[in-house]
Amino acid sequence: MVNKPGKGEAVKVYEGIDAKSSEITGRKLGTLTRFTEALSGYDAGKCLEAAQLFGDWV
Protein backbone atom coordinates (compact mmCIF):
# COMPACT_ATOMS: atom_id res chain seq x y z
CA MET A 1 0.00 0.00 0.00
CA VAL A 2 1.31 3.43 -0.94
CA ASN A 3 -0.03 6.82 0.03
CA LYS A 4 -0.22 8.85 -3.15
CA PRO A 5 -0.22 12.64 -2.78
CA GLY A 6 -3.67 14.01 -3.54
CA LYS A 7 -5.41 10.70 -2.80
CA GLY A 8 -7.52 10.20 0.31
CA GLU A 9 -6.65 6.53 0.68
CA ALA A 10 -3.57 4.39 0.14
CA VAL A 11 -3.42 2.45 -3.12
CA LYS A 12 -1.98 -0.99 -3.80
CA VAL A 13 0.99 -1.28 -6.13
CA TYR A 14 1.29 -4.40 -8.26
CA GLU A 15 3.90 -5.68 -10.68
CA GLY A 16 3.21 -8.35 -13.21
CA ILE A 17 5.43 -11.41 -13.07
CA ASP A 18 6.01 -13.46 -16.18
CA ALA A 19 5.35 -17.00 -14.91
CA LYS A 20 6.81 -18.52 -18.10
CA SER A 21 10.39 -17.65 -17.15
CA SER A 22 11.54 -18.93 -13.76
CA GLU A 23 14.74 -16.86 -13.99
CA ILE A 24 12.85 -13.59 -14.42
CA THR A 25 10.26 -14.58 -11.82
CA GLY A 26 13.02 -15.32 -9.32
CA ARG A 27 14.77 -12.02 -9.99
CA LYS A 28 11.56 -10.04 -9.61
CA LEU A 29 10.64 -11.79 -6.38
CA GLY A 30 14.17 -11.18 -5.16
CA THR A 31 13.66 -7.42 -5.39
CA LEU A 32 10.55 -7.52 -3.21
CA THR A 33 12.49 -7.58 0.06
CA ARG A 34 14.70 -4.65 -0.97
CA PHE A 35 11.68 -2.67 -2.17
CA THR A 36 9.89 -3.29 1.12
CA GLU A 37 12.97 -2.18 3.08
CA ALA A 38 13.30 0.96 0.98
CA LEU A 39 9.63 1.81 1.33
CA SER A 40 9.73 1.26 5.10
CA GLY A 41 12.76 3.53 5.35
CA TYR A 42 10.99 6.21 3.34
CA ASP A 43 7.88 5.94 5.52
CA ALA A 44 10.08 6.27 8.62
CA GLY A 45 11.60 9.48 7.28
CA LYS A 46 14.97 7.89 6.46
CA CYS A 47 14.96 9.31 2.96
CA LEU A 48 18.69 9.01 2.25
CA GLU A 49 18.74 5.34 3.25
CA ALA A 50 15.59 4.71 1.23
CA ALA A 51 17.04 6.46 -1.82
CA GLN A 52 20.15 4.28 -1.60
CA LEU A 53 18.06 1.11 -1.41
CA PHE A 54 15.83 2.21 -4.27
CA GLY A 55 18.89 3.21 -6.30
CA ASP A 56 20.45 -0.21 -5.86
CA TRP A 57 17.91 -1.85 -8.14
CA VAL A 58 16.39 0.93 -10.23
PDB file of N, CA and C in Angstrom:
ATOM      1  N   MET A   1       0.845  -1.163   0.000  1.00  0.00           N
ATOM      2  CA  MET A   1       0.000   0.000   0.000  1.00  0.00           C
ATOM      3  C   MET A   1       0.899   1.238   0.000  1.00  0.00           C
ATOM      4  N   VAL A   2       0.529   2.198  -0.810  1.00  0.00           N
ATOM      5  CA  VAL A   2       1.308   3.427  -0.944  1.00  0.00           C
ATOM      6  C   VAL A   2       0.366   4.605  -0.832  1.00  0.00           C
ATOM      7  N   ASN A   3       0.750   5.590  -0.042  1.00  0.00           N
ATOM      8  CA  ASN A   3      -0.029   6.820   0.025  1.00  0.00           C
ATOM      9  C   ASN A   3       0.413   7.723  -1.109  1.00  0.00           C
ATOM     10  N   LYS A   4      -0.488   8.023  -1.993  1.00  0.00           N
ATOM     11  CA  LYS A   4      -0.217   8.855  -3.153  1.00  0.00           C
ATOM     12  C   LYS A   4      -0.682  10.264  -2.835  1.00  0.00           C
ATOM     13  N   PRO A   5       0.201  11.263  -3.023  1.00  0.00           N
ATOM     14  CA  PRO A   5      -0.222  12.642  -2.777  1.00  0.00           C
ATOM     15  C   PRO A   5      -1.486  12.977  -3.565  1.00  0.00           C
ATOM     16  N   GLY A   6      -2.426  13.615  -2.890  1.00  0.00           N
ATOM     17  CA  GLY A   6      -3.671  14.013  -3.537  1.00  0.00           C
ATOM     18  C   GLY A   6      -4.756  12.964  -3.458  1.00  0.00           C
ATOM     19  N   LYS A   7      -4.418  11.771  -2.948  1.00  0.00           N
ATOM     20  CA  LYS A   7      -5.409  10.701  -2.797  1.00  0.00           C
ATOM     21  C   LYS A   7      -5.787  10.603  -1.322  1.00  0.00           C
ATOM     22  N   GLY A   8      -7.044  10.330  -1.059  1.00  0.00           N
ATOM     23  CA  GLY A   8      -7.516  10.201   0.311  1.00  0.00           C
ATOM     24  C   GLY A   8      -7.146   8.885   0.951  1.00  0.00           C
ATOM     25  N   GLU A   9      -6.947   7.847   0.150  1.00  0.00           N
ATOM     26  CA  GLU A   9      -6.647   6.525   0.679  1.00  0.00           C
ATOM     27  C   GLU A   9      -5.399   5.966   0.002  1.00  0.00           C
ATOM     28  N   ALA A  10      -4.744   5.051   0.711  1.00  0.00           N
ATOM     29  CA  ALA A  10      -3.568   4.386   0.139  1.00  0.00           C
ATOM     30  C   ALA A  10      -4.008   3.494  -1.013  1.00  0.00           C
ATOM     31  N   VAL A  11      -3.131   3.311  -1.968  1.00  0.00           N
ATOM     32  CA  VAL A  11      -3.417   2.447  -3.117  1.00  0.00           C
ATOM     33  C   VAL A  11      -2.425   1.293  -3.145  1.00  0.00           C
ATOM     34  N   LYS A  12      -2.855   0.164  -3.682  1.00  0.00           N
ATOM     35  CA  LYS A  12      -1.979  -0.993  -3.802  1.00  0.00           C
ATOM     36  C   LYS A  12      -1.149  -0.868  -5.072  1.00  0.00           C
ATOM     37  N   VAL A  13       0.098  -1.303  -4.987  1.00  0.00           N
ATOM     38  CA  VAL A  13       0.994  -1.284  -6.131  1.00  0.00           C
ATOM     39  C   VAL A  13       1.273  -2.731  -6.513  1.00  0.00           C
ATOM     40  N   TYR A  14       1.072  -3.049  -7.767  1.00  0.00           N
ATOM     41  CA  TYR A  14       1.291  -4.403  -8.259  1.00  0.00           C
ATOM     42  C   TYR A  14       2.310  -4.388  -9.382  1.00  0.00           C
ATOM     43  N   GLU A  15       3.012  -5.502  -9.543  1.00  0.00           N
ATOM     44  CA  GLU A  15       3.898  -5.679 -10.681  1.00  0.00           C
ATOM     45  C   GLU A  15       3.612  -7.051 -11.266  1.00  0.00           C
ATOM     46  N   GLY A  16       3.449  -7.078 -12.558  1.00  0.00           N
ATOM     47  CA  GLY A  16       3.210  -8.352 -13.213  1.00  0.00           C
ATOM     48  C   GLY A  16       4.466  -9.199 -13.233  1.00  0.00           C
ATOM     49  N   ILE A  17       4.303 -10.484 -13.031  1.00  0.00           N
ATOM     50  CA  ILE A  17       5.428 -11.410 -13.070  1.00  0.00           C
ATOM     51  C   ILE A  17       5.165 -12.408 -14.176  1.00  0.00           C
ATOM     52  N   ASP A  18       6.116 -12.530 -15.074  1.00  0.00           N
ATOM     53  CA  ASP A  18       6.009 -13.463 -16.181  1.00  0.00           C
ATOM     54  C   ASP A  18       6.280 -14.876 -15.671  1.00  0.00           C
ATOM     55  N   ALA A  19       5.221 -15.659 -15.493  1.00  0.00           N
ATOM     56  CA  ALA A  19       5.348 -16.999 -14.915  1.00  0.00           C
ATOM     57  C   ALA A  19       6.026 -17.981 -15.866  1.00  0.00           C
ATOM     58  N   LYS A  20       6.201 -17.609 -17.129  1.00  0.00           N
ATOM     59  CA  LYS A  20       6.813 -18.516 -18.098  1.00  0.00           C
ATOM     60  C   LYS A  20       8.318 -18.633 -17.903  1.00  0.00           C
ATOM     61  N   SER A  21       8.943 -17.648 -17.323  1.00  0.00           N
ATOM     62  CA  SER A  21      10.386 -17.650 -17.153  1.00  0.00           C
ATOM     63  C   SER A  21      10.730 -17.677 -15.665  1.00  0.00           C
ATOM     64  N   SER A  22      11.222 -18.810 -15.182  1.00  0.00           N
ATOM     65  CA  SER A  22      11.537 -18.925 -13.756  1.00  0.00           C
ATOM     66  C   SER A  22      12.699 -18.007 -13.362  1.00  0.00           C
ATOM     67  N   GLU A  23      13.624 -17.750 -14.288  1.00  0.00           N
ATOM     68  CA  GLU A  23      14.743 -16.856 -13.989  1.00  0.00           C
ATOM     69  C   GLU A  23      14.240 -15.440 -13.713  1.00  0.00           C
ATOM     70  N   ILE A  24      13.389 -14.945 -14.586  1.00  0.00           N
ATOM     71  CA  ILE A  24      12.847 -13.594 -14.420  1.00  0.00           C
ATOM     72  C   ILE A  24      11.959 -13.529 -13.188  1.00  0.00           C
ATOM     73  N   THR A  25      11.132 -14.550 -12.989  1.00  0.00           N
ATOM     74  CA  THR A  25      10.256 -14.580 -11.823  1.00  0.00           C
ATOM     75  C   THR A  25      11.091 -14.524 -10.550  1.00  0.00           C
ATOM     76  N   GLY A  26      12.152 -15.318 -10.486  1.00  0.00           N
ATOM     77  CA  GLY A  26      13.023 -15.319  -9.317  1.00  0.00           C
ATOM     78  C   GLY A  26      13.679 -13.984  -9.072  1.00  0.00           C
ATOM     79  N   ARG A  27      14.141 -13.337 -10.126  1.00  0.00           N
ATOM     80  CA  ARG A  27      14.774 -12.020  -9.990  1.00  0.00           C
ATOM     81  C   ARG A  27      13.776 -10.982  -9.502  1.00  0.00           C
ATOM     82  N   LYS A  28      12.568 -11.016 -10.034  1.00  0.00           N
ATOM     83  CA  LYS A  28      11.557 -10.044  -9.609  1.00  0.00           C
ATOM     84  C   LYS A  28      11.166 -10.265  -8.152  1.00  0.00           C
ATOM     85  N   LEU A  29      10.978 -11.506  -7.769  1.00  0.00           N
ATOM     86  CA  LEU A  29      10.636 -11.790  -6.379  1.00  0.00           C
ATOM     87  C   LEU A  29      11.784 -11.426  -5.449  1.00  0.00           C
ATOM     88  N   GLY A  30      12.995 -11.537  -5.942  1.00  0.00           N
ATOM     89  CA  GLY A  30      14.166 -11.178  -5.156  1.00  0.00           C
ATOM     90  C   GLY A  30      14.242  -9.694  -4.840  1.00  0.00           C
ATOM     91  N   THR A  31      13.636  -8.864  -5.646  1.00  0.00           N
ATOM     92  CA  THR A  31      13.657  -7.423  -5.387  1.00  0.00           C
ATOM     93  C   THR A  31      12.590  -7.001  -4.384  1.00  0.00           C
ATOM     94  N   LEU A  32      11.655  -7.877  -4.098  1.00  0.00           N
ATOM     95  CA  LEU A  32      10.547  -7.516  -3.209  1.00  0.00           C
ATOM     96  C   LEU A  32      11.037  -7.134  -1.819  1.00  0.00           C
ATOM     97  N   THR A  33      11.974  -7.881  -1.272  1.00  0.00           N
ATOM     98  CA  THR A  33      12.495  -7.580   0.057  1.00  0.00           C
ATOM     99  C   THR A  33      13.169  -6.218   0.081  1.00  0.00           C
ATOM    100  N   ARG A  34      14.008  -5.951  -0.906  1.00  0.00           N
ATOM    101  CA  ARG A  34      14.699  -4.653  -0.973  1.00  0.00           C
ATOM    102  C   ARG A  34      13.706  -3.503  -1.135  1.00  0.00           C
ATOM    103  N   PHE A  35      12.694  -3.708  -1.971  1.00  0.00           N
ATOM    104  CA  PHE A  35      11.683  -2.672  -2.170  1.00  0.00           C
ATOM    105  C   PHE A  35      10.956  -2.393  -0.861  1.00  0.00           C
ATOM    106  N   THR A  36      10.588  -3.447  -0.148  1.00  0.00           N
ATOM    107  CA  THR A  36       9.885  -3.293   1.124  1.00  0.00           C
ATOM    108  C   THR A  36      10.753  -2.552   2.133  1.00  0.00           C
ATOM    109  N   GLU A  37      12.049  -2.884   2.190  1.00  0.00           N
ATOM    110  CA  GLU A  37      12.968  -2.182   3.083  1.00  0.00           C
ATOM    111  C   GLU A  37      13.062  -0.701   2.716  1.00  0.00           C
ATOM    112  N   ALA A  38      13.192  -0.424   1.437  1.00  0.00           N
ATOM    113  CA  ALA A  38      13.297   0.964   0.981  1.00  0.00           C
ATOM    114  C   ALA A  38      12.032   1.741   1.301  1.00  0.00           C
ATOM    115  N   LEU A  39      10.898   1.138   1.061  1.00  0.00           N
ATOM    116  CA  LEU A  39       9.626   1.810   1.326  1.00  0.00           C
ATOM    117  C   LEU A  39       9.437   2.052   2.815  1.00  0.00           C
ATOM    118  N   SER A  40       9.817   1.092   3.640  1.00  0.00           N
ATOM    119  CA  SER A  40       9.726   1.264   5.095  1.00  0.00           C
ATOM    120  C   SER A  40      10.635   2.395   5.561  1.00  0.00           C
ATOM    121  N   GLY A  41      11.845   2.449   5.005  1.00  0.00           N
ATOM    122  CA  GLY A  41      12.757   3.529   5.350  1.00  0.00           C
ATOM    123  C   GLY A  41      12.193   4.884   4.968  1.00  0.00           C
ATOM    124  N   TYR A  42      11.609   4.958   3.793  1.00  0.00           N
ATOM    125  CA  TYR A  42      10.993   6.212   3.341  1.00  0.00           C
ATOM    126  C   TYR A  42       9.858   6.618   4.277  1.00  0.00           C
ATOM    127  N   ASP A  43       8.998   5.649   4.620  1.00  0.00           N
ATOM    128  CA  ASP A  43       7.878   5.936   5.520  1.00  0.00           C
ATOM    129  C   ASP A  43       8.355   6.391   6.895  1.00  0.00           C
ATOM    130  N   ALA A  44       9.532   5.904   7.317  1.00  0.00           N
ATOM    131  CA  ALA A  44      10.085   6.271   8.618  1.00  0.00           C
ATOM    132  C   ALA A  44      10.861   7.583   8.577  1.00  0.00           C
ATOM    133  N   GLY A  45      10.905   8.218   7.412  1.00  0.00           N
ATOM    134  CA  GLY A  45      11.598   9.485   7.277  1.00  0.00           C
ATOM    135  C   GLY A  45      13.088   9.343   7.027  1.00  0.00           C
ATOM    136  N   LYS A  46      13.552   8.135   6.743  1.00  0.00           N
ATOM    137  CA  LYS A  46      14.967   7.889   6.456  1.00  0.00           C
ATOM    138  C   LYS A  46      15.174   7.952   4.941  1.00  0.00           C
ATOM    139  N   CYS A  47      14.984   9.134   4.407  1.00  0.00           N
ATOM    140  CA  CYS A  47      14.957   9.314   2.957  1.00  0.00           C
ATOM    141  C   CYS A  47      16.279   8.981   2.264  1.00  0.00           C
ATOM    142  N   LEU A  48      17.404   9.312   2.883  1.00  0.00           N
ATOM    143  CA  LEU A  48      18.689   9.014   2.254  1.00  0.00           C
ATOM    144  C   LEU A  48      18.925   7.506   2.175  1.00  0.00           C
ATOM    145  N   GLU A  49      18.608   6.800   3.267  1.00  0.00           N
ATOM    146  CA  GLU A  49      18.745   5.341   3.251  1.00  0.00           C
ATOM    147  C   GLU A  49      17.806   4.726   2.213  1.00  0.00           C
ATOM    148  N   ALA A  50      16.573   5.216   2.182  1.00  0.00           N
ATOM    149  CA  ALA A  50      15.591   4.705   1.229  1.00  0.00           C
ATOM    150  C   ALA A  50      16.046   4.954  -0.207  1.00  0.00           C
ATOM    151  N   ALA A  51      16.572   6.134  -0.472  1.00  0.00           N
ATOM    152  CA  ALA A  51      17.041   6.462  -1.819  1.00  0.00           C
ATOM    153  C   ALA A  51      18.167   5.525  -2.240  1.00  0.00           C
ATOM    154  N   GLN A  52      19.059   5.203  -1.294  1.00  0.00           N
ATOM    155  CA  GLN A  52      20.153   4.279  -1.597  1.00  0.00           C
ATOM    156  C   GLN A  52      19.596   2.898  -1.945  1.00  0.00           C
ATOM    157  N   LEU A  53      18.652   2.418  -1.144  1.00  0.00           N
ATOM    158  CA  LEU A  53      18.058   1.107  -1.409  1.00  0.00           C
ATOM    159  C   LEU A  53      17.300   1.092  -2.733  1.00  0.00           C
ATOM    160  N   PHE A  54      16.531   2.128  -2.994  1.00  0.00           N
ATOM    161  CA  PHE A  54      15.827   2.209  -4.274  1.00  0.00           C
ATOM    162  C   PHE A  54      16.834   2.269  -5.421  1.00  0.00           C
ATOM    163  N   GLY A  55      17.883   3.047  -5.253  1.00  0.00           N
ATOM    164  CA  GLY A  55      18.888   3.209  -6.295  1.00  0.00           C
ATOM    165  C   GLY A  55      19.661   1.955  -6.603  1.00  0.00           C
ATOM    166  N   ASP A  56      19.728   1.035  -5.643  1.00  0.00           N
ATOM    167  CA  ASP A  56      20.453  -0.209  -5.857  1.00  0.00           C
ATOM    168  C   ASP A  56      19.828  -1.072  -6.951  1.00  0.00           C
ATOM    169  N   TRP A  57      18.543  -0.970  -7.156  1.00  0.00           N
ATOM    170  CA  TRP A  57      17.914  -1.852  -8.145  1.00  0.00           C
ATOM    171  C   TRP A  57      17.116  -1.136  -9.212  1.00  0.00           C
ATOM    172  N   VAL A  58      17.122   0.181  -9.199  1.00  0.00           N
ATOM    173  CA  VAL A  58      16.392   0.929 -10.230  1.00  0.00           C
ATOM    174  C   VAL A  58      17.290   1.128 -11.429  1.00  0.00           C
TER     175      VAL A  58
END
